[in-house]
Amino acid sequence: MIVVTGATGKIGSETVRLLAEQGLATRALVRDPSRAPGGSFPAGVDIAVGDFERTDTLDAAMRGADTVVLISPSVPEQEIAVIDSAARQGVKHVVKITNHKASASSPVGRRRDHARIEAHLRASGLGFTLLAPSIFMQNLFAFASVIKQTRGFVMSAGDGRFAMVDSRDVAATAAVVAAAPDDHAGRTYLLTGPELITYADVARALTDVLGHEIEYRRISPAEHRAAMIEAGVPESVAASNAQVFGLIAEGDADWRSDDVEAVTGVPPRGVRTFLADHVSAFV
């Protein structure tokens, strides 16, 4: 039995679908089953209704499982609770979505959080595999309404490069690892798209797909933080996001890996493929 947490999210729901498609015993841990894509999970998927902050529901979800795919907003106390429950219930392996630059000394709070969770997982005695994705292509959906209204978007990433990855490829990697965890024990896979690009390249790709010019407007991290707060983003989140985008401008995300294809046997999607698949979101 494979338990997938965060099973109504983009990565989790696709992981559940792919595992069920292979006929593997799969349990989706969710707070609200009605939030499943399309309103329901694939036939045969076991649904466990639970809460990261309720030990009894976690223990019930982990009971009888061999492997857990751990996907969450990366709140340390919550993921640590899942890991502890997995250890109590005899789970053998955890596949965790993490951050490539997780470090206890990182200036970025979310990276410190991932480092704390990773340290707990390593100390738990459970087998584990870490999946560290780059920036998600799906984050572009956050720009969709602005792109529709203004034919452009603002960003504080300057001309920093990144190898943006489709969450579907992250899910495909997670499903392969979860299906045969012993083959990937102790490994960390860096998950990226096929090419290093900038937000100027994203604007050009949008221009080609939509048939009219999309402008990338560069702003400073401070301006970006203020704009996000004005748009209703919580101040702490806006500050963290602006910090990360500023680091991208400085070259922090300038790395690429072939691990998606190495694990799945299929090349990852490029940004133009992603945009072609989701063009309706931007028109």
C-alpha atoms as a PDB file:
ATOM      1  CA  MET A   1       0.000   0.000   0.000  1.00  0.00           C
ATOM      2  CA  ILE A   2       1.284   3.457  -0.987  1.00  0.00           C
ATOM      3  CA  VAL A   3      -0.043   6.477   0.924  1.00  0.00           C
ATOM      4  CA  VAL A   4       0.025   9.844  -0.845  1.00  0.00           C
ATOM      5  CA  THR A   5      -0.384  12.945   1.326  1.00  0.00           C
ATOM      6  CA  GLY A   6      -1.533  16.235  -0.164  1.00  0.00           C
ATOM      7  CA  ALA A   7      -3.502  14.089  -2.563  1.00  0.00           C
ATOM      8  CA  THR A   8      -5.792  16.856  -3.828  1.00  0.00           C
ATOM      9  CA  GLY A   9      -2.881  19.094  -4.911  1.00  0.00           C
ATOM     10  CA  LYS A  10      -1.239  19.230  -8.320  1.00  0.00           C
ATOM     11  CA  ILE A  11       1.581  16.798  -7.562  1.00  0.00           C
ATOM     12  CA  GLY A  12      -0.382  14.585  -5.197  1.00  0.00           C
ATOM     13  CA  SER A  13      -3.453  14.115  -7.379  1.00  0.00           C
ATOM     14  CA  GLU A  14      -1.343  13.244 -10.423  1.00  0.00           C
ATOM     15  CA  THR A  15       0.770  10.832  -8.367  1.00  0.00           C
ATOM     16  CA  VAL A  16      -2.392   9.095  -7.162  1.00  0.00           C
ATOM     17  CA  ARG A  17      -3.677   8.855 -10.724  1.00  0.00           C
ATOM     18  CA  LEU A  18      -0.447   7.377 -12.046  1.00  0.00           C
ATOM     19  CA  LEU A  19      -0.162   4.821  -9.242  1.00  0.00           C
ATOM     20  CA  ALA A  20      -3.790   3.756  -9.667  1.00  0.00           C
ATOM     21  CA  GLU A  21      -3.243   3.491 -13.415  1.00  0.00           C
ATOM     22  CA  GLN A  22      -0.543   0.903 -12.704  1.00  0.00           C
ATOM     23  CA  GLY A  23      -2.926  -1.091 -10.514  1.00  0.00           C
ATOM     24  CA  LEU A  24      -0.916  -0.385  -7.359  1.00  0.00           C
ATOM     25  CA  ALA A  25      -2.701  -0.275  -4.000  1.00  0.00           C
ATOM     26  CA  THR A  26      -2.975   3.445  -3.310  1.00  0.00           C
ATOM     27  CA  ARG A  27      -4.401   5.442  -0.424  1.00  0.00           C
ATOM     28  CA  ALA A  28      -5.049   9.176  -0.746  1.00  0.00           C
ATOM     29  CA  LEU A  29      -4.727  11.123   2.509  1.00  0.00           C
ATOM     30  CA  VAL A  30      -6.971  14.178   2.285  1.00  0.00           C
ATOM     31  CA  ARG A  31      -8.784  16.645   4.512  1.00  0.00           C
ATOM     32  CA  ASP A  32     -11.663  17.057   2.057  1.00  0.00           C
ATOM     33  CA  PRO A  33     -12.320  14.275  -0.511  1.00  0.00           C
ATOM     34  CA  SER A  34     -14.569  16.583  -2.546  1.00  0.00           C
ATOM     35  CA  ARG A  35     -11.495  18.611  -3.563  1.00  0.00           C
ATOM     36  CA  ALA A  36     -10.194  15.735  -5.687  1.00  0.00           C
ATOM     37  CA  PRO A  37      -9.719  16.725  -9.352  1.00  0.00           C
ATOM     38  CA  GLY A  38     -13.049  16.229 -11.051  1.00  0.00           C
ATOM     39  CA  GLY A  39     -14.651  15.629  -7.667  1.00  0.00           C
ATOM     40  CA  SER A  40     -13.390  12.067  -7.207  1.00  0.00           C
ATOM     41  CA  PHE A  41     -10.306   9.869  -7.257  1.00  0.00           C
ATOM     42  CA  PRO A  42      -9.745   6.986  -9.697  1.00  0.00           C
ATOM     43  CA  ALA A  43     -11.604   3.755  -9.032  1.00  0.00           C
ATOM     44  CA  GLY A  44      -9.881   1.530  -6.522  1.00  0.00           C
ATOM     45  CA  VAL A  45      -8.114   4.312  -4.627  1.00  0.00           C
ATOM     46  CA  ASP A  46      -8.603   4.090  -0.861  1.00  0.00           C
ATOM     47  CA  ILE A  47      -9.553   7.445   0.694  1.00  0.00           C
ATOM     48  CA  ALA A  48      -8.249   8.316   4.153  1.00  0.00           C
ATOM     49  CA  VAL A  49      -9.736  11.491   5.603  1.00  0.00           C
ATOM     50  CA  GLY A  50      -7.263  12.994   8.016  1.00  0.00           C
ATOM     51  CA  ASP A  51      -5.419  15.978   9.389  1.00  0.00           C
ATOM     52  CA  PHE A  52      -1.667  16.473   9.795  1.00  0.00           C
ATOM     53  CA  GLU A  53      -2.343  17.814  13.289  1.00  0.00           C
ATOM     54  CA  ARG A  54      -4.402  14.805  14.439  1.00  0.00           C
ATOM     55  CA  THR A  55      -2.210  11.839  15.300  1.00  0.00           C
ATOM     56  CA  ASP A  56      -5.107   9.379  15.358  1.00  0.00           C
ATOM     57  CA  THR A  57      -6.047  10.144  11.741  1.00  0.00           C
ATOM     58  CA  LEU A  58      -2.423   9.908  10.605  1.00  0.00           C
ATOM     59  CA  ASP A  59      -1.979   6.547  12.318  1.00  0.00           C
ATOM     60  CA  ALA A  60      -5.158   5.255  10.690  1.00  0.00           C
ATOM     61  CA  ALA A  61      -3.949   6.397   7.257  1.00  0.00           C
ATOM     62  CA  MET A  62      -0.494   4.836   7.694  1.00  0.00           C
ATOM     63  CA  ARG A  63      -1.761   1.496   8.989  1.00  0.00           C
ATOM     64  CA  GLY A  64      -0.870  -1.305   6.580  1.00  0.00           C
ATOM     65  CA  ALA A  65       1.180   0.966   4.297  1.00  0.00           C
ATOM     66  CA  ASP A  66       4.672   0.209   3.010  1.00  0.00           C
ATOM     67  CA  THR A  67       5.504   3.546   1.368  1.00  0.00           C
ATOM     68  CA  VAL A  68       4.483   7.172   1.861  1.00  0.00           C
ATOM     69  CA  VAL A  69       4.771   9.957  -0.720  1.00  0.00           C
ATOM     70  CA  LEU A  70       5.080  13.014   1.520  1.00  0.00           C
ATOM     71  CA  ILE A  71       3.723  16.178  -0.093  1.00  0.00           C
ATOM     72  CA  SER A  72       2.651  19.176   1.960  1.00  0.00           C
ATOM     73  CA  PRO A  73       3.197  22.940   2.317  1.00  0.00           C
ATOM     74  CA  SER A  74       6.334  21.891   4.264  1.00  0.00           C
ATOM     75  CA  VAL A  75       5.305  22.952   7.736  1.00  0.00           C
ATOM     76  CA  PRO A  76       7.948  21.121   9.809  1.00  0.00           C
ATOM     77  CA  GLU A  77       5.634  20.081  12.658  1.00  0.00           C
ATOM     78  CA  GLN A  78       3.158  18.592  10.193  1.00  0.00           C
ATOM     79  CA  GLU A  79       5.632  16.630   8.080  1.00  0.00           C
ATOM     80  CA  ILE A  80       7.464  15.441  11.194  1.00  0.00           C
ATOM     81  CA  ALA A  81       4.120  14.166  12.535  1.00  0.00           C
ATOM     82  CA  VAL A  82       3.630  12.165   9.306  1.00  0.00           C
ATOM     83  CA  ILE A  83       7.152  10.723   9.544  1.00  0.00           C
ATOM     84  CA  ASP A  84       6.647   9.741  13.191  1.00  0.00           C
ATOM     85  CA  SER A  85       3.297   8.128  12.390  1.00  0.00           C
ATOM     86  CA  ALA A  86       4.869   6.225   9.482  1.00  0.00           C
ATOM     87  CA  ALA A  87       7.583   4.910  11.813  1.00  0.00           C
ATOM     88  CA  ARG A  88       5.012   3.822  14.418  1.00  0.00           C
ATOM     89  CA  GLN A  89       2.906   2.006  11.853  1.00  0.00           C
ATOM     90  CA  GLY A  90       5.762   0.052  10.245  1.00  0.00           C
ATOM     91  CA  VAL A  91       6.068   2.013   6.985  1.00  0.00           C
ATOM     92  CA  LYS A  92       9.360   1.182   5.283  1.00  0.00           C
ATOM     93  CA  HIS A  93      10.009   4.114   2.941  1.00  0.00           C
ATOM     94  CA  VAL A  94       9.170   7.807   2.603  1.00  0.00           C
ATOM     95  CA  VAL A  95       9.417   9.722  -0.685  1.00  0.00           C
ATOM     96  CA  LYS A  96       9.657  13.391   0.264  1.00  0.00           C
ATOM     97  CA  ILE A  97       9.253  16.449  -1.943  1.00  0.00           C
ATOM     98  CA  THR A  98      11.953  18.847  -0.739  1.00  0.00           C
ATOM     99  CA  ASN A  99      14.130  21.780  -1.819  1.00  0.00           C
ATOM    100  CA  HIS A 100      17.436  21.471  -3.665  1.00  0.00           C
ATOM    101  CA  LYS A 101      19.061  24.046  -1.386  1.00  0.00           C
ATOM    102  CA  ALA A 102      17.594  22.923   1.914  1.00  0.00           C
ATOM    103  CA  SER A 103      19.998  24.003   4.632  1.00  0.00           C
ATOM    104  CA  ALA A 104      19.762  24.845   8.313  1.00  0.00           C
ATOM    105  CA  SER A 105      21.810  27.981   7.616  1.00  0.00           C
ATOM    106  CA  SER A 106      19.870  29.150   4.543  1.00  0.00           C
ATOM    107  CA  PRO A 107      18.640  32.759   4.541  1.00  0.00           C
ATOM    108  CA  VAL A 108      15.340  31.436   3.120  1.00  0.00           C
ATOM    109  CA  GLY A 109      12.906  30.247   5.785  1.00  0.00           C
ATOM    110  CA  ARG A 110      11.265  27.544   3.682  1.00  0.00           C
ATOM    111  CA  ARG A 111      14.673  26.012   2.953  1.00  0.00           C
ATOM    112  CA  ARG A 112      15.472  25.901   6.660  1.00  0.00           C
ATOM    113  CA  ASP A 113      12.111  24.181   7.189  1.00  0.00           C
ATOM    114  CA  HIS A 114      12.921  21.530   4.585  1.00  0.00           C
ATOM    115  CA  ALA A 115      16.340  20.965   6.177  1.00  0.00           C
ATOM    116  CA  ARG A 116      14.739  20.380   9.564  1.00  0.00           C
ATOM    117  CA  ILE A 117      12.280  17.869   8.081  1.00  0.00           C
ATOM    118  CA  GLU A 118      15.033  16.082   6.167  1.00  0.00           C
ATOM    119  CA  ALA A 119      17.136  15.779   9.317  1.00  0.00           C
ATOM    120  CA  HIS A 120      14.197  14.226  11.169  1.00  0.00           C
ATOM    121  CA  LEU A 121      13.549  11.817   8.304  1.00  0.00           C
ATOM    122  CA  ARG A 122      17.194  10.700   8.223  1.00  0.00           C
ATOM    123  CA  ALA A 123      17.133  10.129  11.982  1.00  0.00           C
ATOM    124  CA  SER A 124      13.863   8.173  11.857  1.00  0.00           C
ATOM    125  CA  GLY A 125      15.419   4.969  10.574  1.00  0.00           C
ATOM    126  CA  LEU A 126      12.978   4.848   7.661  1.00  0.00           C
ATOM    127  CA  GLY A 127      14.163   4.345   4.111  1.00  0.00           C
ATOM    128  CA  PHE A 128      13.803   7.529   2.107  1.00  0.00           C
ATOM    129  CA  THR A 129      14.171   9.200  -1.275  1.00  0.00           C
ATOM    130  CA  LEU A 130      14.267  12.974  -1.723  1.00  0.00           C
ATOM    131  CA  LEU A 131      12.801  14.690  -4.780  1.00  0.00           C
ATOM    132  CA  ALA A 132      13.949  18.301  -5.186  1.00  0.00           C
ATOM    133  CA  PRO A 133      12.098  20.137  -7.964  1.00  0.00           C
ATOM    134  CA  SER A 134      13.040  23.464  -9.501  1.00  0.00           C
ATOM    135  CA  ILE A 135      10.464  26.247 -10.001  1.00  0.00           C
ATOM    136  CA  PHE A 136       7.088  24.853 -11.048  1.00  0.00           C
ATOM    137  CA  MET A 137       5.626  25.755 -14.428  1.00  0.00           C
ATOM    138  CA  GLN A 138       2.226  25.707 -12.725  1.00  0.00           C
ATOM    139  CA  ASN A 139       3.281  28.856 -10.827  1.00  0.00           C
ATOM    140  CA  LEU A 140       2.675  30.696 -14.104  1.00  0.00           C
ATOM    141  CA  PHE A 141      -1.063  30.307 -13.475  1.00  0.00           C
ATOM    142  CA  ALA A 142      -0.660  32.991 -10.791  1.00  0.00           C
ATOM    143  CA  PHE A 143       0.109  35.457 -13.611  1.00  0.00           C
ATOM    144  CA  ALA A 144      -2.805  34.382 -15.805  1.00  0.00           C
ATOM    145  CA  SER A 145      -5.308  37.091 -14.899  1.00  0.00           C
ATOM    146  CA  VAL A 146      -2.682  39.851 -15.169  1.00  0.00           C
ATOM    147  CA  ILE A 147      -1.528  38.504 -18.527  1.00  0.00           C
ATOM    148  CA  LYS A 148      -5.124  38.556 -19.778  1.00  0.00           C
ATOM    149  CA  GLN A 149      -5.687  42.120 -18.581  1.00  0.00           C
ATOM    150  CA  THR A 150      -2.344  43.762 -19.377  1.00  0.00           C
ATOM    151  CA  ARG A 151      -0.648  41.472 -21.913  1.00  0.00           C
ATOM    152  CA  GLY A 152       2.326  41.256 -19.618  1.00  0.00           C
ATOM    153  CA  PHE A 153       3.519  40.384 -16.124  1.00  0.00           C
ATOM    154  CA  VAL A 154       5.928  41.767 -13.525  1.00  0.00           C
ATOM    155  CA  MET A 155       8.688  39.833 -11.812  1.00  0.00           C
ATOM    156  CA  SER A 156      11.746  40.591  -9.697  1.00  0.00           C
ATOM    157  CA  ALA A 157      13.855  37.705 -11.019  1.00  0.00           C
ATOM    158  CA  GLY A 158      15.773  39.942 -13.432  1.00  0.00           C
ATOM    159  CA  ASP A 159      17.512  37.856 -16.083  1.00  0.00           C
ATOM    160  CA  GLY A 160      18.221  34.981 -13.724  1.00  0.00           C
ATOM    161  CA  ARG A 161      18.003  31.550 -15.325  1.00  0.00           C
ATOM    162  CA  PHE A 162      16.083  28.510 -14.090  1.00  0.00           C
ATOM    163  CA  ALA A 163      15.044  25.121 -15.448  1.00  0.00           C
ATOM    164  CA  MET A 164      11.326  25.320 -14.694  1.00  0.00           C
ATOM    165  CA  VAL A 165       9.657  21.905 -14.219  1.00  0.00           C
ATOM    166  CA  ASP A 166       6.112  20.716 -14.871  1.00  0.00           C
ATOM    167  CA  SER A 167       4.494  19.310 -11.720  1.00  0.00           C
ATOM    168  CA  ARG A 168       3.250  16.408 -13.860  1.00  0.00           C
ATOM    169  CA  ASP A 169       6.864  15.346 -14.354  1.00  0.00           C
ATOM    170  CA  VAL A 170       7.497  15.603 -10.614  1.00  0.00           C
ATOM    171  CA  ALA A 171       4.471  13.377 -10.018  1.00  0.00           C
ATOM    172  CA  ALA A 172       5.668  10.897 -12.651  1.00  0.00           C
ATOM    173  CA  THR A 173       9.021  10.668 -10.886  1.00  0.00           C
ATOM    174  CA  ALA A 174       7.360  10.231  -7.499  1.00  0.00           C
ATOM    175  CA  ALA A 175       5.159   7.436  -8.872  1.00  0.00           C
ATOM    176  CA  VAL A 176       8.134   5.543 -10.308  1.00  0.00           C
ATOM    177  CA  VAL A 177      10.077   5.818  -7.047  1.00  0.00           C
ATOM    178  CA  ALA A 178       7.076   4.844  -4.896  1.00  0.00           C
ATOM    179  CA  ALA A 179       6.426   1.774  -7.057  1.00  0.00           C
ATOM    180  CA  ALA A 180       9.969   0.453  -6.457  1.00  0.00           C
ATOM    181  CA  PRO A 181      11.393   2.330  -3.464  1.00  0.00           C
ATOM    182  CA  ASP A 182      14.277  -0.039  -2.778  1.00  0.00           C
ATOM    183  CA  ASP A 183      15.764   0.869  -6.160  1.00  0.00           C
ATOM    184  CA  HIS A 184      15.973   4.521  -5.093  1.00  0.00           C
ATOM    185  CA  ALA A 185      16.763   4.301  -1.380  1.00  0.00           C
ATOM    186  CA  GLY A 186      18.961   7.076  -0.048  1.00  0.00           C
ATOM    187  CA  ARG A 187      18.958   8.967  -3.333  1.00  0.00           C
ATOM    188  CA  THR A 188      18.226  12.634  -3.958  1.00  0.00           C
ATOM    189  CA  TYR A 189      16.875  13.475  -7.411  1.00  0.00           C
ATOM    190  CA  LEU A 190      16.969  17.019  -8.761  1.00  0.00           C
ATOM    191  CA  LEU A 191      13.913  17.568 -10.937  1.00  0.00           C
ATOM    192  CA  THR A 192      13.987  20.192 -13.677  1.00  0.00           C
ATOM    193  CA  GLY A 193      12.712  20.907 -17.131  1.00  0.00           C
ATOM    194  CA  PRO A 194      14.889  20.361 -20.203  1.00  0.00           C
ATOM    195  CA  GLU A 195      16.384  23.843 -20.520  1.00  0.00           C
ATOM    196  CA  LEU A 196      17.613  26.857 -18.625  1.00  0.00           C
ATOM    197  CA  ILE A 197      15.408  29.863 -19.391  1.00  0.00           C
ATOM    198  CA  THR A 198      14.568  33.333 -18.056  1.00  0.00           C
ATOM    199  CA  TYR A 199      11.238  35.062 -17.573  1.00  0.00           C
ATOM    200  CA  ALA A 200      11.985  36.909 -20.798  1.00  0.00           C
ATOM    201  CA  ASP A 201      11.985  33.496 -22.503  1.00  0.00           C
ATOM    202  CA  VAL A 202       8.670  32.713 -20.808  1.00  0.00           C
ATOM    203  CA  ALA A 203       7.232  35.962 -22.203  1.00  0.00           C
ATOM    204  CA  ARG A 204       8.435  35.024 -25.706  1.00  0.00           C
ATOM    205  CA  ALA A 205       6.895  31.570 -25.392  1.00  0.00           C
ATOM    206  CA  LEU A 206       3.600  33.108 -24.272  1.00  0.00           C
ATOM    207  CA  THR A 207       3.794  35.544 -27.208  1.00  0.00           C
ATOM    208  CA  ASP A 208       4.154  32.654 -29.647  1.00  0.00           C
ATOM    209  CA  VAL A 209       1.395  30.552 -28.084  1.00  0.00           C
ATOM    210  CA  LEU A 210      -1.121  33.400 -27.699  1.00  0.00           C
ATOM    211  CA  GLY A 211      -0.374  35.154 -30.977  1.00  0.00           C
ATOM    212  CA  HIS A 212       0.177  38.594 -29.465  1.00  0.00           C
ATOM    213  CA  GLU A 213       3.043  40.162 -27.578  1.00  0.00           C
ATOM    214  CA  ILE A 214       3.417  39.468 -23.864  1.00  0.00           C
ATOM    215  CA  GLU A 215       5.774  41.804 -22.019  1.00  0.00           C
ATOM    216  CA  TYR A 216       8.019  40.853 -19.121  1.00  0.00           C
ATOM    217  CA  ARG A 217       8.335  43.876 -16.852  1.00  0.00           C
ATOM    218  CA  ARG A 218      11.327  43.771 -14.511  1.00  0.00           C
ATOM    219  CA  ILE A 219      10.888  45.277 -11.045  1.00  0.00           C
ATOM    220  CA  SER A 220      12.941  45.201  -7.849  1.00  0.00           C
ATOM    221  CA  PRO A 221      12.295  42.695  -5.035  1.00  0.00           C
ATOM    222  CA  ALA A 222      11.043  45.535  -2.825  1.00  0.00           C
ATOM    223  CA  GLU A 223       8.588  46.666  -5.511  1.00  0.00           C
ATOM    224  CA  HIS A 224       7.511  43.066  -6.094  1.00  0.00           C
ATOM    225  CA  ARG A 225       6.929  42.513  -2.382  1.00  0.00           C
ATOM    226  CA  ALA A 226       4.749  45.640  -2.219  1.00  0.00           C
ATOM    227  CA  ALA A 227       2.807  44.603  -5.323  1.00  0.00           C
ATOM    228  CA  MET A 228       2.098  41.151  -3.912  1.00  0.00           C
ATOM    229  CA  ILE A 229       0.889  42.602  -0.607  1.00  0.00           C
ATOM    230  CA  GLU A 230      -1.376  45.015  -2.499  1.00  0.00           C
ATOM    231  CA  ALA A 231      -2.765  42.044  -4.426  1.00  0.00           C
ATOM    232  CA  GLY A 232      -3.725  40.359  -1.163  1.00  0.00           C
ATOM    233  CA  VAL A 233      -0.775  38.038  -0.593  1.00  0.00           C
ATOM    234  CA  PRO A 234      -0.005  37.712   3.143  1.00  0.00           C
ATOM    235  CA  GLU A 235       2.951  39.889   4.086  1.00  0.00           C
ATOM    236  CA  SER A 236       5.140  37.004   5.263  1.00  0.00           C
ATOM    237  CA  VAL A 237       4.518  35.062   2.061  1.00  0.00           C
ATOM    238  CA  ALA A 238       5.135  38.124  -0.107  1.00  0.00           C
ATOM    239  CA  ALA A 239       8.422  38.798   1.684  1.00  0.00           C
ATOM    240  CA  SER A 240       9.547  35.188   1.260  1.00  0.00           C
ATOM    241  CA  ASN A 241       8.571  35.110  -2.425  1.00  0.00           C
ATOM    242  CA  ALA A 242      10.337  38.403  -3.160  1.00  0.00           C
ATOM    243  CA  GLN A 243      13.435  37.084  -1.391  1.00  0.00           C
ATOM    244  CA  VAL A 244      13.457  33.948  -3.545  1.00  0.00           C
ATOM    245  CA  PHE A 245      12.910  35.878  -6.785  1.00  0.00           C
ATOM    246  CA  GLY A 246      15.741  38.219  -5.827  1.00  0.00           C
ATOM    247  CA  LEU A 247      17.995  35.199  -5.354  1.00  0.00           C
ATOM    248  CA  ILE A 248      16.982  33.913  -8.792  1.00  0.00           C
ATOM    249  CA  ALA A 249      18.141  37.236 -10.246  1.00  0.00           C
ATOM    250  CA  GLU A 250      21.514  36.584  -8.601  1.00  0.00           C
ATOM    251  CA  GLY A 251      21.847  33.116 -10.196  1.00  0.00           C
ATOM    252  CA  ASP A 252      20.532  30.986  -7.337  1.00  0.00           C
ATOM    253  CA  ALA A 253      18.357  28.804  -9.619  1.00  0.00           C
ATOM    254  CA  ASP A 254      20.862  28.461 -12.469  1.00  0.00           C
ATOM    255  CA  TRP A 255      21.047  24.656 -12.449  1.00  0.00           C
ATOM    256  CA  ARG A 256      19.615  21.812 -14.500  1.00  0.00           C
ATOM    257  CA  SER A 257      19.440  18.038 -14.150  1.00  0.00           C
ATOM    258  CA  ASP A 258      18.556  15.007 -16.280  1.00  0.00           C
ATOM    259  CA  ASP A 259      17.100  13.128 -13.300  1.00  0.00           C
ATOM    260  CA  VAL A 260      13.480  13.184 -14.505  1.00  0.00           C
ATOM    261  CA  GLU A 261      14.379  11.256 -17.631  1.00  0.00           C
ATOM    262  CA  ALA A 262      16.862   9.041 -15.773  1.00  0.00           C
ATOM    263  CA  VAL A 263      14.142   7.904 -13.355  1.00  0.00           C
ATOM    264  CA  THR A 264      11.067   7.841 -15.596  1.00  0.00           C
ATOM    265  CA  GLY A 265      12.633   7.090 -18.981  1.00  0.00           C
ATOM    266  CA  VAL A 266      10.714  10.029 -20.468  1.00  0.00           C
ATOM    267  CA  PRO A 267      12.149  13.513 -21.159  1.00  0.00           C
ATOM    268  CA  PRO A 268      10.545  16.283 -19.074  1.00  0.00           C
ATOM    269  CA  ARG A 269       8.164  18.739 -20.689  1.00  0.00           C
ATOM    270  CA  GLY A 270       9.464  22.110 -21.825  1.00  0.00           C
ATOM    271  CA  VAL A 271       7.703  25.373 -21.080  1.00  0.00           C
ATOM    272  CA  ARG A 272       6.285  25.645 -24.601  1.00  0.00           C
ATOM    273  CA  THR A 273       4.650  22.235 -24.247  1.00  0.00           C
ATOM    274  CA  PHE A 274       3.225  23.279 -20.897  1.00  0.00           C
ATOM    275  CA  LEU A 275       1.806  26.515 -22.317  1.00  0.00           C
ATOM    276  CA  ALA A 276       0.320  24.741 -25.332  1.00  0.00           C
ATOM    277  CA  ASP A 277      -1.387  22.279 -22.980  1.00  0.00           C
ATOM    278  CA  HIS A 278      -2.827  25.112 -20.846  1.00  0.00           C
ATOM    279  CA  VAL A 279      -3.309  27.936 -23.348  1.00  0.00           C
ATOM    280  CA  SER A 280      -6.929  28.423 -22.297  1.00  0.00           C
ATOM    281  CA  ALA A 281      -5.780  29.632 -18.872  1.00  0.00           C
ATOM    282  CA  PHE A 282      -4.068  32.664 -20.451  1.00  0.00           C
ATOM    283  CA  VAL A 283      -6.705  33.833 -22.956  1.00  0.00           C
END
